[in-house]
């Protein structure tokens, strides 16, 4: 058997697979990126095989020969690639009146929403908004506010959505 199956993030990954329980010597390792339809030879005759920076799900197996029988293939181990997070887009920026209310919606994201954030100083500092859904209701807006969303997929790095800006228009005051 080859141990161990793993799920890793695309492009930034590494690990070592280990063959155990074999009867004979390792002739070579093989890899497949099409679920075993085609196997590519890896020139390695040890009982361990490393992988690094994979971008596609890859299967690995060892080919073992004991000198008497035909070579045998081990069971394969799959290194599954987790697609990274996609922050998506907040719909939509708007000009609003003082004390207005509405809803912002995050679309086109991949992964789980970790948090929403807001900024009242053009993105210099961000404050966490307690919300992990794809919609954010706002009300009583008194000043310009920027919003963004942090999204994560599995153990991969987070990604940030586009920024939506609520620009506040002062209330008109009638003259005397």
Protein backbone atom coordinates (compact mmCIF):
# COMPACT_ATOMS: atom_id res chain seq x y z
CA UNK A 1 0.00 0.00 0.00
CA UNK A 2 0.98 3.60 -0.52
CA UNK A 3 0.25 6.00 2.27
CA UNK A 4 -1.28 8.42 2.54
CA UNK A 5 -4.05 10.10 0.61
CA UNK A 6 -4.06 13.86 1.16
CA UNK A 7 -5.98 16.97 0.19
CA UNK A 8 -3.71 19.95 -0.45
CA UNK A 9 -3.95 23.49 -1.80
CA UNK A 10 -3.12 24.07 -5.47
CA UNK A 11 0.40 25.19 -6.28
CA UNK A 12 1.76 25.37 -2.74
CA UNK A 13 2.04 21.84 -1.41
CA UNK A 14 4.52 19.11 -0.67
CA UNK A 15 4.68 15.72 0.97
CA UNK A 16 6.07 12.22 0.92
CA UNK A 17 4.29 9.00 0.05
CA UNK A 18 5.53 5.73 1.55
CA UNK A 19 5.19 2.21 0.20
CA UNK A 20 4.75 -0.59 2.74
CA UNK A 21 3.77 -4.28 2.78
CA UNK A 22 5.43 -5.05 -0.56
CA UNK A 23 7.12 -8.34 -1.47
CA UNK A 24 10.00 -7.51 -3.79
CA UNK A 25 11.87 -4.42 -4.88
CA UNK A 26 10.53 -1.18 -6.26
CA UNK A 27 11.12 -1.02 -10.02
CA UNK A 28 9.62 2.46 -10.43
CA UNK A 29 6.86 4.81 -9.30
CA UNK A 30 4.06 6.04 -11.57
CA UNK A 31 1.74 9.03 -11.50
CA UNK A 32 -1.56 9.81 -13.19
CA UNK A 33 -3.48 13.09 -13.53
CA UNK A 34 -6.47 11.50 -15.30
CA UNK A 35 -7.75 9.09 -12.65
CA UNK A 36 -5.53 6.24 -13.79
CA UNK A 37 -6.28 6.25 -17.52
CA UNK A 38 -2.62 7.00 -18.33
CA UNK A 39 0.29 6.34 -15.97
CA UNK A 40 3.56 8.28 -16.31
CA UNK A 41 6.87 6.71 -15.22
CA UNK A 42 8.82 8.25 -12.35
CA UNK A 43 12.43 7.10 -12.16
CA UNK A 44 12.53 6.24 -8.46
CA UNK A 45 13.34 2.83 -6.98
CA UNK A 46 12.99 3.70 -3.29
CA UNK A 47 10.02 3.04 -1.02
CA UNK A 48 9.17 6.74 -0.75
CA UNK A 49 8.07 9.28 -3.33
CA UNK A 50 7.88 13.04 -2.82
CA UNK A 51 5.53 15.50 -4.47
CA UNK A 52 5.56 19.29 -4.57
CA UNK A 53 3.62 22.20 -6.04
CA UNK A 54 0.91 20.09 -7.68
CA UNK A 55 -1.88 21.94 -9.50
CA UNK A 56 -3.98 18.90 -10.49
CA UNK A 57 -5.22 15.95 -8.48
CA UNK A 58 -2.53 13.29 -8.92
CA UNK A 59 -2.53 9.56 -8.21
CA UNK A 60 0.70 7.74 -7.31
CA UNK A 61 1.52 4.04 -7.24
CA UNK A 62 4.65 1.89 -7.04
CA UNK A 63 5.59 -0.97 -9.36
CA UNK A 64 7.19 -3.88 -7.47
CA UNK A 65 9.02 -6.94 -8.86
CA UNK A 66 10.18 -10.01 -6.92
CA UNK A 67 12.12 -11.50 -9.85
CA UNK A 68 9.89 -14.55 -10.38
CA UNK A 69 6.44 -13.19 -11.20
CA UNK A 70 5.31 -10.31 -13.34
CA UNK A 71 5.67 -6.88 -11.71
CA UNK A 72 2.75 -5.88 -9.49
CA UNK A 73 1.24 -2.45 -9.00
CA UNK A 74 0.54 -1.18 -5.51
CA UNK A 75 -2.73 0.42 -4.58
CA UNK A 76 -2.60 4.11 -5.43
CA UNK A 77 -2.63 7.13 -3.14
CA UNK A 78 -4.45 10.24 -4.34
CA UNK A 79 -3.21 13.74 -3.70
CA UNK A 80 -6.39 15.75 -4.18
CA UNK A 81 -6.09 19.41 -5.06
CA UNK A 82 -8.43 21.75 -3.24
CA UNK A 83 -9.42 24.71 -5.33
CA UNK A 84 -8.42 27.93 -3.68
CA UNK A 85 -10.83 30.50 -2.36
CA UNK A 86 -12.32 33.10 -4.67
CA UNK A 87 -13.37 36.28 -2.85
CA UNK A 88 -16.16 37.16 -5.27
CA UNK A 89 -17.86 40.50 -5.79
CA UNK A 90 -20.11 42.52 -3.55
CA UNK A 91 -23.19 43.86 -5.30
CA UNK A 92 -23.20 46.84 -5.24
CA UNK A 93 -21.62 50.15 -4.40
CA UNK A 94 -24.16 52.92 -4.01
CA UNK A 95 -24.77 56.50 -3.05
CA UNK A 96 -27.15 56.51 -0.11
CA UNK A 97 -28.84 59.09 2.04
CA UNK A 98 -27.93 59.61 5.69
CA UNK A 99 -29.66 57.02 7.92
CA UNK A 100 -30.62 54.85 4.95
CA UNK A 101 -30.83 51.06 5.03
CA UNK A 102 -30.24 48.28 2.51
CA UNK A 103 -28.55 44.99 1.80
CA UNK A 104 -25.23 44.10 0.18
CA UNK A 105 -24.87 40.68 -1.50
CA UNK A 106 -21.68 38.70 -2.17
CA UNK A 107 -21.73 36.80 -5.48
CA UNK A 108 -19.27 34.68 -7.45
CA UNK A 109 -17.33 33.43 -4.44
CA UNK A 110 -15.81 29.99 -3.84
CA UNK A 111 -15.30 28.73 -0.30
CA UNK A 112 -16.72 29.71 3.06
CA UNK A 113 -17.29 33.23 4.25
CA UNK A 114 -14.96 33.85 7.18
CA UNK A 115 -16.15 37.39 7.90
CA UNK A 116 -17.28 40.73 6.51
CA UNK A 117 -15.18 43.82 7.22
CA UNK A 118 -15.93 47.53 7.10
CA UNK A 119 -13.77 50.64 6.91
CA UNK A 120 -14.69 54.29 7.46
CA UNK A 121 -11.23 55.59 6.47
CA UNK A 122 -10.90 54.40 2.86
CA UNK A 123 -9.38 51.02 3.75
CA UNK A 124 -6.65 52.19 6.09
CA UNK A 125 -8.16 50.16 8.95
CA UNK A 126 -10.74 47.37 8.76
CA UNK A 127 -13.20 46.33 11.47
CA UNK A 128 -14.76 42.86 11.63
CA UNK A 129 -18.52 42.71 11.04
CA UNK A 130 -20.15 39.71 12.76
CA UNK A 131 -21.62 38.02 9.70
CA UNK A 132 -20.75 34.82 7.80
CA UNK A 133 -23.60 34.83 5.27
CA UNK A 134 -23.58 36.10 1.69
CA UNK A 135 -25.82 39.06 2.57
CA UNK A 136 -25.14 42.01 4.85
CA UNK A 137 -27.88 44.39 5.95
CA UNK A 138 -26.91 47.93 6.84
CA UNK A 139 -28.85 50.79 8.38
CA UNK A 140 -28.32 54.21 9.91
CA UNK A 141 -25.29 54.94 7.72
CA UNK A 142 -23.92 58.36 8.69
CA UNK A 143 -20.60 58.43 6.85
CA UNK A 144 -18.99 56.79 3.81
CA UNK A 145 -18.29 53.10 4.45
CA UNK A 146 -16.32 50.47 2.54
CA UNK A 147 -17.21 46.77 2.85
CA UNK A 148 -15.30 43.65 1.87
CA UNK A 149 -15.57 39.90 2.56
CA UNK A 150 -12.87 37.38 3.52
CA UNK A 151 -13.42 33.90 2.01
CA UNK A 152 -11.52 30.66 2.66
CA UNK A 153 -11.62 27.24 0.99
CA UNK A 154 -10.46 24.34 3.15
CA UNK A 155 -6.99 24.93 4.53
CA UNK A 156 -5.96 27.07 1.57
CA UNK A 157 -5.19 30.78 1.84
CA UNK A 158 -8.00 33.28 2.16
CA UNK A 159 -9.09 35.61 -0.63
CA UNK A 160 -10.74 39.00 -0.38
CA UNK A 161 -13.81 40.11 -2.32
CA UNK A 162 -14.08 43.31 -4.27
CA UNK A 163 -14.83 46.38 -2.17
CA UNK A 164 -18.28 47.93 -2.12
CA UNK A 165 -18.54 51.58 -1.19
CA UNK A 166 -21.55 53.24 0.37
CA UNK A 167 -21.15 56.96 -0.26
CA UNK A 168 -23.37 59.06 1.98
CA UNK A 169 -25.13 62.10 0.58
CA UNK A 170 -26.06 64.69 3.21
CA UNK A 171 -29.72 65.40 3.76
CA UNK A 172 -30.91 68.50 1.95
CA UNK A 173 -31.95 71.35 4.20
CA UNK A 174 -34.55 73.80 2.95
CA UNK A 175 -33.91 77.53 3.22
CA UNK A 176 -36.02 80.06 5.05
